[in-house]
Amino acid sequence: MAGTEPLANPWRRNLYVLWGCTFVAGVAFSELMPFMSLYVSQLGHFTKAEVSFYSGLVYAATFLVTAIVSPMWGALADRKGRKIMLIRASFGMGAAMFLMGLATNIWQLIALRALQGLFSGFISNAQALIAAQTPRKEAGKALGTLVTGSTSGMLMGPILGGALASVFSIRVTFFITAGLMFLAGLLSATLVTEHFTPVPRRETTGQGLLRGVLSQFDNPKLIVLLLFSTLFVQLGNTSIAPIISLYVKELMHNSGAIAFVAGIIAALPGISNILAAPRLGTYGDRHGSGKVLIAGYLFAVLVYFPQGFVTSIWALGALRLLVGVSDGALFPTIQTLLTKNAPASATSAIFSWNQSFQALGNMLGALLGGTLAGLFDYNVVFISTACMLLINFLMLWFAEPKLRH
């Protein structure tokens, strides 16, 4: 049904448009991340441990709210459509980011990050829209391609953000970021086409808990494992985010263009991700997505562990470049497996729950990264990430053996 008639269901055109929109959104999200902890340090006189802790809170605030509201937004998307959710998310987050540039203390910033979480869901709704319209046999390639939109935006974002922060100021960068989100909303409103059939209300209400969603799946255990995999992968990745610029600052011995270099280091995974994700998605469609997922976990453990022992910025950069390959194997493949195992009536719901678990991973990762860095040192965060991904790998290996084949 999906994708059989180009005029009735223009999934390819929507894929191209949403690639551009997620690129813009990726730039908006990522250009703030490398120096968010530097912005925190400007809002008060904090010790090293306090900066790490408050940076963790700033990251976690958005994701805590996102985890709570995502299932509700997903249920609404099933009844009203994904396009309107794209518009809602882009304009809401743009307003929150604009206000962040006006923050005068750490608690205002935390509150506005929570407000950003309330309006979250742009990329996940773009993924749900494409997943619902794309033929299942091409889902891996389509979602892998879509991921490169946000990834390439996230690649450009830190470099652009670091340059803007150096030329202007961090506050001005918040205002520019808000403008990018408004642009993504306008593109979504004018160029995305959605022929939407609402899911009957009885299928989404009265079963608001995850159990009600899982009742629609043939293999609910696999879905639960994939959701927790999203949590683990995001937890590992996000635990690095609050301290990456501080780690770069330490490796550079507190001298040089720290914000700009931190932006480049944060962007490096995007280079290899852009190249790897579509190819790995196509390989998974042909030979089995489970194989790609398993290999991605093993590779991730191998590249995260040594990051805790580097002594130069060049070694860190090389390893961060390899992180993009593992991300290209993990994130799109989890989404592809969810799509291939989901009935059409549950597409938005399962992507919303996936975003909720992703947000929980973001929240816990931010808190864990900030806490470990404060109690020990920055290198412990990388080592703990490798250990968590290894645990996730073992969980999938033993609990769902068919993924190996």
Protein backbone atom coordinates (compact mmCIF):
# COMPACT_ATOMS: atom_id res chain seq x y z
CA MET A 1 0.00 0.00 0.00
CA ALA A 2 2.65 2.53 1.10
CA GLY A 3 4.65 3.92 -1.75
CA THR A 4 2.87 1.98 -4.51
CA GLU A 5 1.49 5.13 -6.15
CA PRO A 6 3.91 8.08 -6.35
CA LEU A 7 1.17 10.68 -6.95
CA ALA A 8 -1.02 9.43 -4.09
CA ASN A 9 1.83 8.86 -1.67
CA PRO A 10 4.95 10.89 -2.63
CA TRP A 11 7.27 9.34 -0.10
CA ARG A 12 10.41 10.01 -2.12
CA ARG A 13 9.69 13.74 -2.40
CA ASN A 14 8.87 13.93 1.30
CA LEU A 15 12.13 12.12 2.01
CA TYR A 16 14.10 14.78 0.13
CA VAL A 17 12.22 17.65 1.78
CA LEU A 18 12.49 16.19 5.27
CA TRP A 19 16.16 15.45 4.69
CA GLY A 20 16.60 19.19 4.25
CA CYS A 21 14.42 19.98 7.26
CA THR A 22 16.24 17.53 9.53
CA PHE A 23 19.52 18.95 8.27
CA VAL A 24 18.42 22.41 9.42
CA ALA A 25 17.15 20.96 12.71
CA GLY A 26 20.43 19.07 13.17
CA VAL A 27 22.39 22.29 12.76
CA ALA A 28 20.09 24.02 15.25
CA PHE A 29 20.40 21.28 17.87
CA SER A 30 24.13 20.67 17.61
CA GLU A 31 25.58 24.15 17.21
CA LEU A 32 24.74 24.85 20.85
CA MET A 33 25.99 21.59 22.36
CA PRO A 34 29.79 22.04 22.23
CA PHE A 35 29.76 25.20 24.32
CA MET A 36 26.66 24.69 26.49
CA SER A 37 28.93 23.87 29.42
CA LEU A 38 30.96 27.00 28.64
CA TYR A 39 27.70 28.99 28.70
CA VAL A 40 26.88 27.43 32.08
CA SER A 41 30.23 28.62 33.44
CA GLN A 42 29.38 32.17 32.34
CA LEU A 43 26.17 32.21 34.40
CA GLY A 44 27.88 32.06 37.78
CA HIS A 45 31.10 31.55 39.71
CA PHE A 46 31.28 27.75 39.80
CA THR A 47 33.96 25.23 40.67
CA LYS A 48 34.98 22.52 38.18
CA ALA A 49 32.69 19.99 39.90
CA GLU A 50 29.79 22.47 39.95
CA VAL A 51 30.16 23.26 36.24
CA SER A 52 30.10 19.53 35.42
CA PHE A 53 27.06 18.98 37.64
CA TYR A 54 25.06 21.96 36.37
CA SER A 55 25.96 21.07 32.77
CA GLY A 56 24.46 17.65 33.41
CA LEU A 57 21.28 19.26 34.78
CA VAL A 58 21.02 21.58 31.79
CA TYR A 59 21.21 18.65 29.39
CA ALA A 60 18.93 16.45 31.48
CA ALA A 61 16.11 19.00 31.87
CA THR A 62 15.12 18.85 28.21
CA PHE A 63 15.20 15.09 28.06
CA LEU A 64 13.25 14.49 31.27
CA VAL A 65 10.31 16.50 29.93
CA THR A 66 10.67 14.90 26.48
CA ALA A 67 10.47 11.41 28.00
CA ILE A 68 7.21 12.33 29.73
CA VAL A 69 5.42 14.07 26.86
CA SER A 70 6.58 12.03 23.84
CA PRO A 71 3.95 9.26 24.16
CA MET A 72 1.21 11.90 24.39
CA TRP A 73 2.51 13.68 21.28
CA GLY A 74 2.69 10.29 19.53
CA ALA A 75 -0.93 9.50 20.34
CA LEU A 76 -1.92 12.95 19.05
CA ALA A 77 0.12 12.39 15.87
CA ASP A 78 -1.79 9.17 15.21
CA ARG A 79 -5.05 11.15 15.30
CA LYS A 80 -4.02 14.49 13.75
CA GLY A 81 -1.04 13.63 11.53
CA ARG A 82 2.73 13.91 11.67
CA LYS A 83 3.02 17.10 9.61
CA ILE A 84 1.29 19.24 12.21
CA MET A 85 3.62 17.75 14.83
CA LEU A 86 6.61 18.89 12.77
CA ILE A 87 5.26 22.44 12.73
CA ARG A 88 4.43 22.38 16.44
CA ALA A 89 7.88 21.09 17.39
CA SER A 90 9.91 23.48 15.24
CA PHE A 91 8.18 26.71 16.29
CA GLY A 92 7.96 25.71 19.96
CA MET A 93 11.62 24.79 20.23
CA GLY A 94 12.62 27.89 18.28
CA ALA A 95 10.86 30.09 20.84
CA ALA A 96 12.53 28.26 23.74
CA MET A 97 15.99 28.62 22.17
CA PHE A 98 15.45 32.35 21.60
CA LEU A 99 14.64 32.81 25.28
CA MET A 100 17.76 30.83 26.30
CA GLY A 101 19.84 33.60 24.77
CA LEU A 102 18.27 35.97 27.30
CA ALA A 103 18.93 33.80 30.39
CA THR A 104 20.74 35.51 33.27
CA ASN A 105 21.22 32.61 35.70
CA ILE A 106 21.56 28.84 35.67
CA TRP A 107 18.02 28.16 36.88
CA GLN A 108 16.46 30.16 34.05
CA LEU A 109 18.53 28.14 31.59
CA ILE A 110 17.42 24.86 33.16
CA ALA A 111 13.76 25.95 33.05
CA LEU A 112 14.02 26.96 29.38
CA ARG A 113 15.72 23.66 28.52
CA ALA A 114 12.71 21.96 30.11
CA LEU A 115 10.42 24.12 27.94
CA GLN A 116 12.38 22.98 24.88
CA GLY A 117 11.66 19.38 25.90
CA LEU A 118 7.94 20.12 26.03
CA PHE A 119 7.96 20.98 22.32
CA SER A 120 10.37 18.24 21.27
CA GLY A 121 9.80 15.66 18.56
CA PHE A 122 10.77 17.19 15.22
CA ILE A 123 13.20 14.50 14.05
CA SER A 124 11.20 11.59 15.49
CA ASN A 125 8.03 12.79 13.72
CA ALA A 126 9.96 13.16 10.47
CA GLN A 127 11.14 9.57 10.91
CA ALA A 128 7.61 8.38 11.69
CA LEU A 129 6.19 10.15 8.62
CA ILE A 130 8.78 8.56 6.31
CA ALA A 131 8.47 5.16 7.98
CA ALA A 132 4.69 5.20 7.52
CA GLN A 133 4.89 6.11 3.82
CA THR A 134 7.88 4.06 2.68
CA PRO A 135 7.55 0.47 1.36
CA ARG A 136 8.88 -1.94 3.97
CA LYS A 137 11.46 -3.38 1.57
CA GLU A 138 13.08 0.07 1.29
CA ALA A 139 12.63 1.15 4.91
CA GLY A 140 16.26 0.60 5.90
CA LYS A 141 17.62 2.65 3.02
CA ALA A 142 15.03 5.42 3.48
CA LEU A 143 15.55 5.77 7.23
CA GLY A 144 19.31 5.47 6.83
CA THR A 145 19.19 8.29 4.27
CA LEU A 146 16.96 10.42 6.49
CA VAL A 147 19.34 9.97 9.40
CA THR A 148 22.14 11.48 7.31
CA GLY A 149 20.09 14.69 7.11
CA SER A 150 20.13 15.32 10.84
CA THR A 151 23.63 13.84 11.11
CA SER A 152 25.10 16.09 8.45
CA GLY A 153 23.37 19.02 10.13
CA MET A 154 24.89 17.97 13.41
CA LEU A 155 28.22 17.75 11.61
CA MET A 156 27.98 21.35 10.42
CA GLY A 157 26.33 22.64 13.60
CA PRO A 158 29.24 22.45 16.06
CA ILE A 159 31.64 24.01 13.56
CA LEU A 160 29.17 26.77 12.73
CA GLY A 161 28.28 27.25 16.39
CA GLY A 162 31.91 27.41 17.45
CA ALA A 163 32.65 29.98 14.75
CA LEU A 164 29.59 32.08 15.64
CA ALA A 165 30.44 31.95 19.35
CA SER A 166 34.00 33.08 18.59
CA VAL A 167 32.99 35.88 16.18
CA PHE A 168 29.90 37.11 18.03
CA SER A 169 28.93 35.54 21.36
CA ILE A 170 27.23 32.47 22.74
CA ARG A 171 24.05 34.47 23.32
CA VAL A 172 23.84 35.60 19.69
CA THR A 173 24.24 31.95 18.63
CA PHE A 174 21.06 31.08 20.54
CA PHE A 175 19.13 33.68 18.53
CA ILE A 176 20.50 32.34 15.23
CA THR A 177 19.60 28.80 16.29
CA ALA A 178 16.03 29.89 17.00
CA GLY A 179 15.84 31.30 13.48
CA LEU A 180 16.96 27.96 12.02
CA MET A 181 14.16 26.15 13.85
CA PHE A 182 11.61 28.64 12.54
CA LEU A 183 12.98 27.96 9.03
CA ALA A 184 12.54 24.20 9.50
CA GLY A 185 8.93 24.84 10.53
CA LEU A 186 8.23 26.92 7.43
CA LEU A 187 9.76 24.28 5.13
CA SER A 188 7.69 21.55 6.77
CA ALA A 189 4.49 23.58 6.51
CA THR A 190 4.88 24.49 2.85
CA LEU A 191 6.72 21.57 1.21
CA VAL A 192 5.76 18.35 3.05
CA THR A 193 2.75 16.43 1.72
CA GLU A 194 0.90 14.02 4.00
CA HIS A 195 -2.09 11.94 2.96
CA PHE A 196 -3.03 10.96 6.47
CA THR A 197 -5.58 8.42 7.65
CA PRO A 198 -6.26 8.91 11.38
CA VAL A 199 -5.90 5.94 13.69
CA PRO A 200 -9.25 5.35 15.43
CA ARG A 201 -9.25 6.89 18.88
CA ARG A 202 -9.99 3.57 20.53
CA GLU A 203 -6.59 2.29 19.39
CA THR A 204 -4.63 5.01 21.15
CA THR A 205 -6.75 5.92 24.18
CA GLY A 206 -7.57 3.61 27.01
CA GLN A 207 -4.19 2.00 26.31
CA GLY A 208 -1.98 4.95 27.03
CA LEU A 209 0.68 2.82 28.67
CA LEU A 210 3.38 1.03 26.74
CA ARG A 211 1.53 -2.25 27.34
CA GLY A 212 -1.33 -1.06 25.19
CA VAL A 213 1.04 -0.23 22.35
CA LEU A 214 2.88 -3.53 22.64
CA SER A 215 -0.38 -5.48 22.31
CA GLN A 216 -0.38 -4.55 18.61
CA PHE A 217 2.95 -6.30 17.91
CA ASP A 218 3.63 -9.93 17.01
CA ASN A 219 6.92 -9.95 18.94
CA PRO A 220 6.61 -7.52 21.86
CA LYS A 221 9.80 -8.81 23.51
CA LEU A 222 11.85 -7.68 20.51
CA ILE A 223 10.21 -4.24 20.65
CA VAL A 224 11.03 -3.85 24.34
CA LEU A 225 14.64 -4.89 23.72
CA LEU A 226 14.95 -2.38 20.89
CA LEU A 227 13.48 0.40 23.03
CA PHE A 228 15.96 -0.32 25.81
CA SER A 229 18.72 -0.48 23.21
CA THR A 230 17.80 3.05 22.17
CA LEU A 231 18.05 4.06 25.83
CA PHE A 232 21.50 2.45 26.26
CA VAL A 233 22.97 3.84 23.04
CA GLN A 234 21.70 7.34 23.74
CA LEU A 235 22.79 7.12 27.38
CA GLY A 236 26.31 6.30 26.25
CA ASN A 237 26.47 9.02 23.62
CA THR A 238 24.94 11.73 25.77
CA SER A 239 27.14 11.04 28.77
CA ILE A 240 29.94 12.47 26.63
CA ALA A 241 28.10 15.64 25.60
CA PRO A 242 28.28 17.64 28.87
CA ILE A 243 32.03 17.16 29.20
CA ILE A 244 33.39 17.01 25.64
CA SER A 245 34.30 20.72 25.49
CA LEU A 246 35.80 20.50 28.99
CA TYR A 247 37.79 17.41 27.96
CA VAL A 248 39.04 19.26 24.87
CA LYS A 249 39.97 22.23 27.05
CA GLU A 250 42.01 19.94 29.31
CA LEU A 251 43.78 18.23 26.38
CA MET A 252 44.59 21.67 24.93
CA HIS A 253 46.02 22.77 28.31
CA ASN A 254 43.51 25.62 28.63
CA SER A 255 44.89 27.55 25.65
CA GLY A 256 43.89 28.14 22.03
CA ALA A 257 40.56 28.36 20.22
CA ILE A 258 38.85 25.90 22.56
CA ALA A 259 35.24 26.54 21.46
CA PHE A 260 36.12 26.14 17.78
CA VAL A 261 38.18 22.96 18.31
CA ALA A 262 35.46 21.51 20.55
CA GLY A 263 32.99 22.15 17.74
CA ILE A 264 35.19 20.26 15.28
CA ILE A 265 35.66 17.34 17.67
CA ALA A 266 31.90 17.16 18.28
CA ALA A 267 31.27 17.23 14.54
CA LEU A 268 33.71 14.50 13.50
CA PRO A 269 31.33 11.55 14.11
CA GLY A 270 28.97 13.09 11.58
CA ILE A 271 31.49 12.75 8.73
CA SER A 272 31.72 8.98 8.94
CA ASN A 273 28.03 8.68 9.85
CA ILE A 274 26.97 10.37 6.61
CA LEU A 275 29.03 7.87 4.63
CA ALA A 276 28.15 4.80 6.69
CA ALA A 277 24.43 5.06 7.57
CA PRO A 278 22.82 4.69 4.09
CA ARG A 279 25.25 1.91 3.12
CA LEU A 280 24.68 0.01 6.34
CA GLY A 281 20.91 0.49 5.95
CA THR A 282 21.02 -0.95 2.42
CA TYR A 283 23.18 -3.85 3.60
CA GLY A 284 20.71 -4.53 6.40
CA ASP A 285 17.77 -4.56 3.97
CA ARG A 286 19.54 -7.19 1.88
CA HIS A 287 21.35 -9.32 4.43
CA GLY A 288 19.61 -8.70 7.75
CA SER A 289 19.41 -5.65 10.00
CA GLY A 290 20.20 -7.76 13.04
CA LYS A 291 23.71 -8.46 11.75
CA VAL A 292 24.35 -4.75 11.33
CA LEU A 293 23.08 -4.05 14.85
CA ILE A 294 25.26 -6.70 16.50
CA ALA A 295 28.38 -5.61 14.60
CA GLY A 296 27.66 -1.98 15.45
CA TYR A 297 27.69 -2.70 19.18
CA LEU A 298 31.01 -4.52 19.04
CA PHE A 299 32.59 -1.74 17.02
CA ALA A 300 31.21 0.91 19.40
CA VAL A 301 32.82 -0.77 22.41
CA LEU A 302 36.16 -0.90 20.59
CA VAL A 303 36.16 2.82 19.75
CA TYR A 304 34.75 4.22 23.02
CA PHE A 305 37.07 2.47 25.44
CA PRO A 306 40.39 3.98 24.26
CA GLN A 307 38.94 7.51 24.25
CA GLY A 308 39.39 7.46 28.02
CA PHE A 309 43.15 7.06 27.64
CA VAL A 310 44.08 9.56 24.92
CA THR A 311 46.70 12.20 25.62
CA SER A 312 46.34 14.36 22.50
CA ILE A 313 43.51 16.12 20.72
CA TRP A 314 44.45 14.32 17.48
CA ALA A 315 43.93 10.87 18.98
CA LEU A 316 40.59 11.93 20.41
CA GLY A 317 39.56 13.30 17.01
CA ALA A 318 40.46 10.06 15.22
CA LEU A 319 38.43 7.97 17.64
CA ARG A 320 35.46 10.35 17.50
CA LEU A 321 35.52 9.95 13.72
CA LEU A 322 35.07 6.20 14.17
CA VAL A 323 32.17 6.77 16.57
CA GLY A 324 30.16 7.95 13.56
CA VAL A 325 30.42 4.49 11.97
CA SER A 326 29.01 2.80 15.07
CA ASP A 327 26.23 5.39 15.31
CA GLY A 328 25.44 4.78 11.63
CA ALA A 329 24.99 1.11 12.44
CA LEU A 330 23.02 1.49 15.67
CA PHE A 331 20.49 4.33 15.47
CA PRO A 332 19.04 3.75 11.96
CA THR A 333 19.06 -0.03 12.39
CA ILE A 334 17.06 0.11 15.62
CA GLN A 335 14.52 2.36 13.89
CA THR A 336 14.44 0.05 10.85
CA LEU A 337 13.76 -3.00 13.01
CA LEU A 338 10.99 -1.12 14.80
CA THR A 339 9.48 -0.14 11.44
CA LYS A 340 9.68 -3.64 9.95
CA ASN A 341 8.06 -5.15 13.03
CA ALA A 342 5.35 -2.50 13.51
CA PRO A 343 1.80 -2.48 12.12
CA ALA A 344 0.79 0.72 10.33
CA SER A 345 -1.58 1.65 13.17
CA ALA A 346 1.31 1.81 15.64
CA THR A 347 3.94 3.67 13.61
CA SER A 348 3.69 7.05 15.34
CA ALA A 349 3.11 5.44 18.73
CA ILE A 350 6.23 3.27 18.59
CA PHE A 351 8.40 6.09 17.25
CA SER A 352 7.13 8.30 20.08
CA TRP A 353 7.95 5.64 22.63
CA ASN A 354 11.33 5.24 20.97
CA GLN A 355 11.85 8.99 21.38
CA SER A 356 10.75 8.70 25.00
CA PHE A 357 13.38 6.02 25.68
CA GLN A 358 15.90 8.09 23.74
CA ALA A 359 15.07 11.06 25.94
CA LEU A 360 15.47 8.94 29.07
CA GLY A 361 18.87 7.88 27.76
CA ASN A 362 19.72 11.52 27.12
CA MET A 363 18.64 12.52 30.62
CA LEU A 364 20.41 9.68 32.43
CA GLY A 365 23.49 10.05 30.24
CA ALA A 366 23.76 13.78 30.94
CA LEU A 367 23.41 13.23 34.67
CA LEU A 368 25.81 10.26 34.64
CA GLY A 369 28.42 12.09 32.57
CA GLY A 370 28.31 15.19 34.72
CA THR A 371 28.38 13.18 37.96
CA LEU A 372 31.23 10.85 36.94
CA ALA A 373 33.29 13.77 35.66
CA GLY A 374 32.72 15.61 38.93
CA LEU A 375 33.54 12.63 41.16
CA PHE A 376 36.42 11.21 39.14
CA ASP A 377 37.66 12.66 35.86
CA TYR A 378 36.59 13.04 32.24
CA ASN A 379 38.20 9.80 31.04
CA VAL A 380 35.98 7.71 33.33
CA VAL A 381 32.94 8.83 31.30
CA PHE A 382 34.30 7.24 28.12
CA ILE A 383 35.19 4.00 29.87
CA SER A 384 31.74 3.73 31.48
CA THR A 385 30.11 4.31 28.08
CA ALA A 386 32.05 1.40 26.59
CA CYS A 387 30.97 -0.84 29.47
CA MET A 388 27.29 0.09 29.09
CA LEU A 389 27.31 -0.65 25.37
CA LEU A 390 28.93 -4.00 26.08
CA ILE A 391 26.12 -4.81 28.52
CA ASN A 392 23.56 -3.84 25.88
CA PHE A 393 25.29 -6.07 23.33
CA LEU A 394 25.17 -9.06 25.69
CA MET A 395 21.49 -8.37 26.42
CA LEU A 396 20.60 -8.54 22.72
CA TRP A 397 22.89 -11.51 22.04
CA PHE A 398 21.29 -13.75 24.64
CA ALA A 399 17.72 -12.43 24.81
CA GLU A 400 17.02 -12.28 21.05
CA PRO A 401 19.27 -14.86 19.30
CA LYS A 402 17.56 -14.42 15.90
CA LEU A 403 19.20 -11.01 15.55
CA ARG A 404 22.50 -12.81 14.96
CA HIS A 405 21.23 -14.29 11.70
